[in-house]
Every structure is written in C-alpha cells, then in structure tokens.
Amino acid sequence: MRSTAARPIAVAALTLLASAAVVPSAHSADRDYTVTLTTSTDTTDFDHRTVDLTGTLTGPDGKPAANHPVQLEQSVLFKTWNPWGDPIDPTEWETRSLGTVRTDSEGRFKLEDVPADRWDAQPSHYLDPRHEVMFRAMYDTDNPTDGQMAFADAEVSVQPVASSLNYRVSNIIVRAGMRLTVTGKVTWPAGHGPVEGTRVSLRQYYENEY
C-alpha cells in the first residue's frame, strides 16, 4: 500500500447513518510495530458527517506501546476522467493531515468528531467524488524520510446529497465556424446550498462522436 503522503489534497459533500463498527485493518512494519485503526461507523450522510477514530499500537514484543506518537491522515477518493477506456484505474486521492495523537498506558489512541467530508473551501482539482473517505494511522520509529513505518487504514462510505442538472445547446446541427451557447440549471435540495458558485464542467468531444 502506498503512503497517502504522495497524494494531493481536496474535498466532497458527504454523510452518516447508523453506527456500525468497522473491522480494523493493520499493517506491520518498522521493527514489527503493529497499528490498528477503527471508525465508529462505516457509513455517513450529510446530516451526520463526523466519525470517531480509535486504534492501538503494539511493540515488537506484542505489548502495548504507551505514550507513543501516532500520525493520522484523511483522504477523499475522486474519479478522474479517462476517455480512452484503457484499464488504468482513473482515481486520485486528496489527503490532509489530522495531526498527531499519543497512545495511553494501554497503547490506545483516539480522535473524536472528525468530519468525513471534504475540508477545503476551494473546489477540488478533480470533478467526480467516489463517495469514499479513507483514514490512516501511522507510526514511525526511525528516520521519518526512510519510508518504513507501521500503518493501518479504515474506510467510510458516504451517502451523497442528490442534485440535478439540466441544460440545452443552442444548435443541434453544427457547421464550421458556428458558435454555440449552452444554458442550464443546477438544483440542490433545500438546506444544502448555496447553489451559487457551483462549478459546472463542459466537455467537448471531437472526431466522429458528437
């Protein structure tokens, strides 16, 4: 698994439902330290967007690692446009740091009320969120630039707010040199605005398509 440190940054409108424990994932590395990470729910919605992160850190001897720093990250998954239909997975992650927490005497750590949502006021570089948020816990005992660390991931799926888009083009038959006008409207459910400032992407296809 590649570290999210190599990923860019951004946000999406997301969501929370009934509490359901997520099975912890763990990856052992870095002198056999082991990290686990669990989220308080595996699904969120627009009105309940926060999750609690909990986990543990154990040492090479299998005993709890007390008073150790654990780094936490959050990533939102986006789908990128791949018009060629090749088998390359067209996805990108936007990542931010959630800071560092320290384990208690039992090797446990916790971070509460983390929004499972996009966090940046500026629009993402990517257009299509895949409604998945990943959290990562990392522990590094050595040089932080050596790439060797123990880490664990936990994912939360997001129920998006449904919006609608309708549009029309001024001409259906196009001749060389003709200019077209595209008009349309974006609609969001009440209470989920503001609609003003919503980014709309217009794509133009060439060759013999459209």
C-alpha atoms as a PDB file:
ATOM      1  CA  MET A   1       0.000   0.000   0.000  1.00  0.00           C
ATOM      2  CA  ARG A   2       1.475   3.329  -0.962  1.00  0.00           C
ATOM      3  CA  SER A   3       1.511   6.104   1.595  1.00  0.00           C
ATOM      4  CA  THR A   4      -1.073   8.859   1.225  1.00  0.00           C
ATOM      5  CA  ALA A   5       1.784  11.317   1.723  1.00  0.00           C
ATOM      6  CA  ALA A   6       2.297  11.094  -2.038  1.00  0.00           C
ATOM      7  CA  ARG A   7      -1.285  12.103  -2.746  1.00  0.00           C
ATOM      8  CA  PRO A   8      -2.719  15.601  -3.413  1.00  0.00           C
ATOM      9  CA  ILE A   9      -5.477  17.419  -1.361  1.00  0.00           C
ATOM     10  CA  ALA A  10      -9.312  18.243  -1.733  1.00  0.00           C
ATOM     11  CA  VAL A  11     -12.999  17.696  -0.555  1.00  0.00           C
ATOM     12  CA  ALA A  12     -16.586  16.330  -1.270  1.00  0.00           C
ATOM     13  CA  ALA A  13     -20.055  16.690   0.301  1.00  0.00           C
ATOM     14  CA  LEU A  14     -20.613  13.562   2.390  1.00  0.00           C
ATOM     15  CA  THR A  15     -22.920  11.755   5.002  1.00  0.00           C
ATOM     16  CA  LEU A  16     -23.581   9.449   8.410  1.00  0.00           C
ATOM     17  CA  LEU A  17     -26.089   6.695   9.312  1.00  0.00           C
ATOM     18  CA  ALA A  18     -26.446   4.019  11.981  1.00  0.00           C
ATOM     19  CA  SER A  19     -23.345   3.256  13.985  1.00  0.00           C
ATOM     20  CA  ALA A  20     -21.601   0.117  12.763  1.00  0.00           C
ATOM     21  CA  ALA A  21     -18.163  -0.978  13.815  1.00  0.00           C
ATOM     22  CA  VAL A  22     -15.621  -1.263  11.021  1.00  0.00           C
ATOM     23  CA  VAL A  23     -13.271  -4.217  11.052  1.00  0.00           C
ATOM     24  CA  PRO A  24      -9.826  -2.835  11.892  1.00  0.00           C
ATOM     25  CA  SER A  25      -7.076  -3.162   9.343  1.00  0.00           C
ATOM     26  CA  ALA A  26      -3.430  -3.398  10.251  1.00  0.00           C
ATOM     27  CA  HIS A  27      -0.082  -3.379   8.510  1.00  0.00           C
ATOM     28  CA  SER A  28       3.007  -4.412  10.423  1.00  0.00           C
ATOM     29  CA  ALA A  29       6.354  -2.862   9.585  1.00  0.00           C
ATOM     30  CA  ASP A  30       9.064  -0.740  11.109  1.00  0.00           C
ATOM     31  CA  ARG A  31      10.647  -3.144  13.615  1.00  0.00           C
ATOM     32  CA  ASP A  32       7.410  -5.132  13.807  1.00  0.00           C
ATOM     33  CA  TYR A  33       5.329  -2.467  15.489  1.00  0.00           C
ATOM     34  CA  THR A  34       1.645  -3.007  14.706  1.00  0.00           C
ATOM     35  CA  VAL A  35      -1.059  -0.344  14.319  1.00  0.00           C
ATOM     36  CA  THR A  36      -4.822  -0.935  14.209  1.00  0.00           C
ATOM     37  CA  LEU A  37      -7.471   1.638  13.276  1.00  0.00           C
ATOM     38  CA  THR A  38     -11.271   1.540  13.627  1.00  0.00           C
ATOM     39  CA  THR A  39     -14.005   4.063  12.779  1.00  0.00           C
ATOM     40  CA  SER A  40     -17.190   4.467  14.807  1.00  0.00           C
ATOM     41  CA  THR A  41     -19.330   3.968  11.688  1.00  0.00           C
ATOM     42  CA  ASP A  42     -18.821   2.625   8.193  1.00  0.00           C
ATOM     43  CA  THR A  43     -21.395   4.938   6.515  1.00  0.00           C
ATOM     44  CA  THR A  44     -22.065   8.666   6.841  1.00  0.00           C
ATOM     45  CA  ASP A  45     -24.577  11.136   5.417  1.00  0.00           C
ATOM     46  CA  PHE A  46     -24.879  14.917   5.035  1.00  0.00           C
ATOM     47  CA  ASP A  47     -26.523  15.476   8.422  1.00  0.00           C
ATOM     48  CA  HIS A  48     -24.172  13.200  10.380  1.00  0.00           C
ATOM     49  CA  ARG A  49     -20.745  13.714   8.927  1.00  0.00           C
ATOM     50  CA  THR A  50     -18.399  13.081  11.842  1.00  0.00           C
ATOM     51  CA  VAL A  51     -16.707   9.861  12.910  1.00  0.00           C
ATOM     52  CA  ASP A  52     -14.572   8.837  15.883  1.00  0.00           C
ATOM     53  CA  LEU A  53     -11.231   7.191  15.179  1.00  0.00           C
ATOM     54  CA  THR A  54      -9.776   4.683  17.649  1.00  0.00           C
ATOM     55  CA  GLY A  55      -6.822   2.347  17.437  1.00  0.00           C
ATOM     56  CA  THR A  56      -3.930   0.637  19.145  1.00  0.00           C
ATOM     57  CA  LEU A  57      -0.175   0.453  18.851  1.00  0.00           C
ATOM     58  CA  THR A  58       1.772  -2.605  19.996  1.00  0.00           C
ATOM     59  CA  GLY A  59       5.519  -3.142  20.050  1.00  0.00           C
ATOM     60  CA  PRO A  60       7.670  -5.971  18.685  1.00  0.00           C
ATOM     61  CA  ASP A  61       7.102  -7.900  21.914  1.00  0.00           C
ATOM     62  CA  GLY A  62       3.333  -7.745  21.428  1.00  0.00           C
ATOM     63  CA  LYS A  63       2.845  -5.450  24.419  1.00  0.00           C
ATOM     64  CA  PRO A  64       1.027  -2.085  24.266  1.00  0.00           C
ATOM     65  CA  ALA A  65       3.292   0.803  23.270  1.00  0.00           C
ATOM     66  CA  ALA A  66       2.500   3.542  25.784  1.00  0.00           C
ATOM     67  CA  ASN A  67       2.958   7.289  25.187  1.00  0.00           C
ATOM     68  CA  HIS A  68       3.971   6.912  21.543  1.00  0.00           C
ATOM     69  CA  PRO A  69       3.059   9.413  18.768  1.00  0.00           C
ATOM     70  CA  VAL A  70       0.675   8.203  16.049  1.00  0.00           C
ATOM     71  CA  GLN A  71       0.072  10.303  12.932  1.00  0.00           C
ATOM     72  CA  LEU A  72      -3.431  10.442  11.461  1.00  0.00           C
ATOM     73  CA  GLU A  73      -4.444  11.311   7.879  1.00  0.00           C
ATOM     74  CA  GLN A  74      -7.692  11.652   5.952  1.00  0.00           C
ATOM     75  CA  SER A  75      -8.123  11.128   2.206  1.00  0.00           C
ATOM     76  CA  VAL A  76     -11.075  11.636  -0.153  1.00  0.00           C
ATOM     77  CA  LEU A  77     -11.212   9.458  -3.265  1.00  0.00           C
ATOM     78  CA  PHE A  78     -12.006  11.056  -6.631  1.00  0.00           C
ATOM     79  CA  LYS A  79     -12.613   9.555 -10.049  1.00  0.00           C
ATOM     80  CA  THR A  80     -10.731  11.229 -12.881  1.00  0.00           C
ATOM     81  CA  TRP A  81     -11.826  11.402 -16.493  1.00  0.00           C
ATOM     82  CA  ASN A  82     -10.425   8.625 -18.647  1.00  0.00           C
ATOM     83  CA  PRO A  83     -11.857   8.995 -22.178  1.00  0.00           C
ATOM     84  CA  TRP A  84      -9.709   6.259 -23.727  1.00  0.00           C
ATOM     85  CA  GLY A  85     -11.261   3.329 -21.884  1.00  0.00           C
ATOM     86  CA  ASP A  86      -7.920   1.716 -21.090  1.00  0.00           C
ATOM     87  CA  PRO A  87      -7.507  -0.461 -17.976  1.00  0.00           C
ATOM     88  CA  ILE A  88      -5.735   2.260 -15.960  1.00  0.00           C
ATOM     89  CA  ASP A  89      -7.629   2.906 -12.705  1.00  0.00           C
ATOM     90  CA  PRO A  90      -8.663   6.563 -13.098  1.00  0.00           C
ATOM     91  CA  THR A  91      -8.671   7.570  -9.428  1.00  0.00           C
ATOM     92  CA  GLU A  92      -6.942  10.203  -7.341  1.00  0.00           C
ATOM     93  CA  TRP A  93      -6.780  10.860  -3.597  1.00  0.00           C
ATOM     94  CA  GLU A  94      -6.816  14.224  -1.842  1.00  0.00           C
ATOM     95  CA  THR A  95      -5.159  13.996   1.542  1.00  0.00           C
ATOM     96  CA  ARG A  96      -4.781  16.139   4.641  1.00  0.00           C
ATOM     97  CA  SER A  97      -3.084  15.598   7.984  1.00  0.00           C
ATOM     98  CA  LEU A  98      -5.262  15.236  11.075  1.00  0.00           C
ATOM     99  CA  GLY A  99      -2.267  15.785  13.340  1.00  0.00           C
ATOM    100  CA  THR A 100      -0.574  13.541  15.878  1.00  0.00           C
ATOM    101  CA  VAL A 101      -2.091  11.806  18.903  1.00  0.00           C
ATOM    102  CA  ARG A 102      -0.291   9.885  21.667  1.00  0.00           C
ATOM    103  CA  THR A 103      -1.138   6.448  22.963  1.00  0.00           C
ATOM    104  CA  ASP A 104      -2.242   5.926  26.565  1.00  0.00           C
ATOM    105  CA  SER A 105      -0.814   3.426  29.036  1.00  0.00           C
ATOM    106  CA  GLU A 106      -2.631   0.617  27.181  1.00  0.00           C
ATOM    107  CA  GLY A 107      -1.287   1.629  23.771  1.00  0.00           C
ATOM    108  CA  ARG A 108      -4.647   3.053  22.707  1.00  0.00           C
ATOM    109  CA  PHE A 109      -5.312   6.312  20.855  1.00  0.00           C
ATOM    110  CA  LYS A 110      -8.464   8.214  19.905  1.00  0.00           C
ATOM    111  CA  LEU A 111      -9.568  11.211  17.838  1.00  0.00           C
ATOM    112  CA  GLU A 112     -13.227  12.223  18.008  1.00  0.00           C
ATOM    113  CA  ASP A 113     -15.612  14.165  15.772  1.00  0.00           C
ATOM    114  CA  VAL A 114     -13.595  14.054  12.563  1.00  0.00           C
ATOM    115  CA  PRO A 115     -15.694  15.274   9.579  1.00  0.00           C
ATOM    116  CA  ALA A 116     -15.895  12.564   6.911  1.00  0.00           C
ATOM    117  CA  ASP A 117     -16.126  15.271   4.299  1.00  0.00           C
ATOM    118  CA  ARG A 118     -14.087  17.481   2.036  1.00  0.00           C
ATOM    119  CA  TRP A 119     -12.401  20.202   4.081  1.00  0.00           C
ATOM    120  CA  ASP A 120     -11.130  22.808   1.618  1.00  0.00           C
ATOM    121  CA  ALA A 121     -13.269  25.826   0.706  1.00  0.00           C
ATOM    122  CA  GLN A 122     -11.722  25.841  -2.798  1.00  0.00           C
ATOM    123  CA  PRO A 123     -13.062  23.425  -5.440  1.00  0.00           C
ATOM    124  CA  SER A 124     -11.165  20.195  -5.943  1.00  0.00           C
ATOM    125  CA  HIS A 125      -8.920  19.731  -8.961  1.00  0.00           C
ATOM    126  CA  TYR A 126     -10.933  16.565  -9.594  1.00  0.00           C
ATOM    127  CA  LEU A 127     -14.570  16.554 -10.680  1.00  0.00           C
ATOM    128  CA  ASP A 128     -16.174  13.333  -9.520  1.00  0.00           C
ATOM    129  CA  PRO A 129     -16.024  12.199  -5.873  1.00  0.00           C
ATOM    130  CA  ARG A 130     -16.456   8.446  -5.433  1.00  0.00           C
ATOM    131  CA  HIS A 131     -18.052   8.942  -2.018  1.00  0.00           C
ATOM    132  CA  GLU A 132     -15.300   7.193  -0.099  1.00  0.00           C
ATOM    133  CA  VAL A 133     -13.161   8.592   2.706  1.00  0.00           C
ATOM    134  CA  MET A 134     -10.095   6.770   3.994  1.00  0.00           C
ATOM    135  CA  PHE A 135      -8.413   7.351   7.343  1.00  0.00           C
ATOM    136  CA  ARG A 136      -4.851   6.238   8.038  1.00  0.00           C
ATOM    137  CA  ALA A 137      -2.896   5.853  11.273  1.00  0.00           C
ATOM    138  CA  MET A 138       0.921   5.716  11.029  1.00  0.00           C
ATOM    139  CA  TYR A 139       3.761   5.117  13.450  1.00  0.00           C
ATOM    140  CA  ASP A 140       7.404   5.662  12.535  1.00  0.00           C
ATOM    141  CA  THR A 141      10.187   4.689  14.920  1.00  0.00           C
ATOM    142  CA  ASP A 142      13.069   5.599  12.633  1.00  0.00           C
ATOM    143  CA  ASN A 143      14.001   8.376  10.255  1.00  0.00           C
ATOM    144  CA  PRO A 144      10.667   9.829   9.036  1.00  0.00           C
ATOM    145  CA  THR A 145      12.049  10.080   5.487  1.00  0.00           C
ATOM    146  CA  ASP A 146      13.011   6.403   5.131  1.00  0.00           C
ATOM    147  CA  GLY A 147       9.517   5.310   4.098  1.00  0.00           C
ATOM    148  CA  GLN A 148       9.428   2.491   6.649  1.00  0.00           C
ATOM    149  CA  MET A 149       6.510   2.682   9.054  1.00  0.00           C
ATOM    150  CA  ALA A 150       3.639   0.711  10.538  1.00  0.00           C
ATOM    151  CA  PHE A 151       0.217   1.844   9.417  1.00  0.00           C
ATOM    152  CA  ALA A 152      -3.465   0.887   9.306  1.00  0.00           C
ATOM    153  CA  ASP A 153      -6.387   2.080   7.165  1.00  0.00           C
ATOM    154  CA  ALA A 154     -10.140   2.341   7.716  1.00  0.00           C
ATOM    155  CA  GLU A 155     -12.652   3.449   5.075  1.00  0.00           C
ATOM    156  CA  VAL A 156     -16.033   5.150   5.407  1.00  0.00           C
ATOM    157  CA  SER A 157     -18.548   5.232   2.565  1.00  0.00           C
ATOM    158  CA  VAL A 158     -20.508   8.446   2.101  1.00  0.00           C
ATOM    159  CA  GLN A 159     -24.113   8.872   1.044  1.00  0.00           C
ATOM    160  CA  PRO A 160     -24.119  11.967  -1.211  1.00  0.00           C
ATOM    161  CA  VAL A 161     -26.793  14.632  -1.412  1.00  0.00           C
ATOM    162  CA  ALA A 162     -28.649  14.195  -4.712  1.00  0.00           C
ATOM    163  CA  SER A 163     -28.505  17.176  -7.071  1.00  0.00           C
ATOM    164  CA  SER A 164     -29.763  17.640 -10.614  1.00  0.00           C
ATOM    165  CA  LEU A 165     -28.513  19.339 -13.752  1.00  0.00           C
ATOM    166  CA  ASN A 166     -30.393  20.163 -16.949  1.00  0.00           C
ATOM    167  CA  TYR A 167     -29.062  22.007 -19.977  1.00  0.00           C
ATOM    168  CA  ARG A 168     -29.628  22.778 -23.635  1.00  0.00           C
ATOM    169  CA  VAL A 169     -27.415  23.674 -26.592  1.00  0.00           C
ATOM    170  CA  SER A 170     -28.468  26.471 -28.950  1.00  0.00           C
ATOM    171  CA  ASN A 171     -27.936  24.385 -32.115  1.00  0.00           C
ATOM    172  CA  ILE A 172     -28.108  20.665 -32.774  1.00  0.00           C
ATOM    173  CA  ILE A 173     -26.633  20.772 -36.301  1.00  0.00           C
ATOM    174  CA  VAL A 174     -23.232  22.463 -36.268  1.00  0.00           C
ATOM    175  CA  ARG A 175     -21.364  23.933 -39.223  1.00  0.00           C
ATOM    176  CA  ALA A 176     -17.786  25.180 -39.444  1.00  0.00           C
ATOM    177  CA  GLY A 177     -17.282  28.481 -37.654  1.00  0.00           C
ATOM    178  CA  MET A 178     -20.618  28.335 -35.800  1.00  0.00           C
ATOM    179  CA  ARG A 179     -20.682  29.452 -32.141  1.00  0.00           C
ATOM    180  CA  LEU A 180     -22.835  27.568 -29.660  1.00  0.00           C
ATOM    181  CA  THR A 181     -24.478  28.705 -26.449  1.00  0.00           C
ATOM    182  CA  VAL A 182     -25.030  26.239 -23.612  1.00  0.00           C
ATOM    183  CA  THR A 183     -27.515  27.174 -20.871  1.00  0.00           C
ATOM    184  CA  GLY A 184     -28.656  25.146 -17.912  1.00  0.00           C
ATOM    185  CA  LYS A 185     -29.570  24.968 -14.242  1.00  0.00           C
ATOM    186  CA  VAL A 186     -28.177  23.208 -11.179  1.00  0.00           C
ATOM    187  CA  THR A 187     -30.647  22.261  -8.438  1.00  0.00           C
ATOM    188  CA  TRP A 188     -29.842  21.175  -4.862  1.00  0.00           C
ATOM    189  CA  PRO A 189     -32.256  20.087  -2.115  1.00  0.00           C
ATOM    190  CA  ALA A 190     -33.330  22.837   0.291  1.00  0.00           C
ATOM    191  CA  GLY A 191     -30.794  23.449   3.019  1.00  0.00           C
ATOM    192  CA  HIS A 192     -27.835  22.075   1.092  1.00  0.00           C
ATOM    193  CA  GLY A 193     -26.701  25.250  -0.657  1.00  0.00           C
ATOM    194  CA  PRO A 194     -25.503  27.644  -1.651  1.00  0.00           C
ATOM    195  CA  VAL A 195     -26.176  26.767  -5.282  1.00  0.00           C
ATOM    196  CA  GLU A 196     -24.455  29.951  -6.477  1.00  0.00           C
ATOM    197  CA  GLY A 197     -20.814  29.280  -7.282  1.00  0.00           C
ATOM    198  CA  THR A 198     -21.335  25.588  -8.077  1.00  0.00           C
ATOM    199  CA  ARG A 199     -18.736  24.531 -10.629  1.00  0.00           C
ATOM    200  CA  VAL A 200     -20.050  23.062 -13.888  1.00  0.00           C
ATOM    201  CA  SER A 201     -17.713  21.268 -16.287  1.00  0.00           C
ATOM    202  CA  LEU A 202     -18.369  21.411 -20.030  1.00  0.00           C
ATOM    203  CA  ARG A 203     -16.610  18.809 -22.171  1.00  0.00           C
ATOM    204  CA  GLN A 204     -16.377  18.879 -25.931  1.00  0.00           C
ATOM    205  CA  TYR A 205     -15.863  15.662 -27.904  1.00  0.00           C
ATOM    206  CA  TYR A 206     -14.098  15.642 -31.256  1.00  0.00           C
ATOM    207  CA  GLU A 207     -13.588  13.164 -34.083  1.00  0.00           C
ATOM    208  CA  ASN A 208     -16.830  11.408 -35.127  1.00  0.00           C
ATOM    209  CA  GLU A 209     -18.510  11.264 -31.735  1.00  0.00           C
ATOM    210  CA  TYR A 210     -20.583  14.368 -31.017  1.00  0.00           C
END
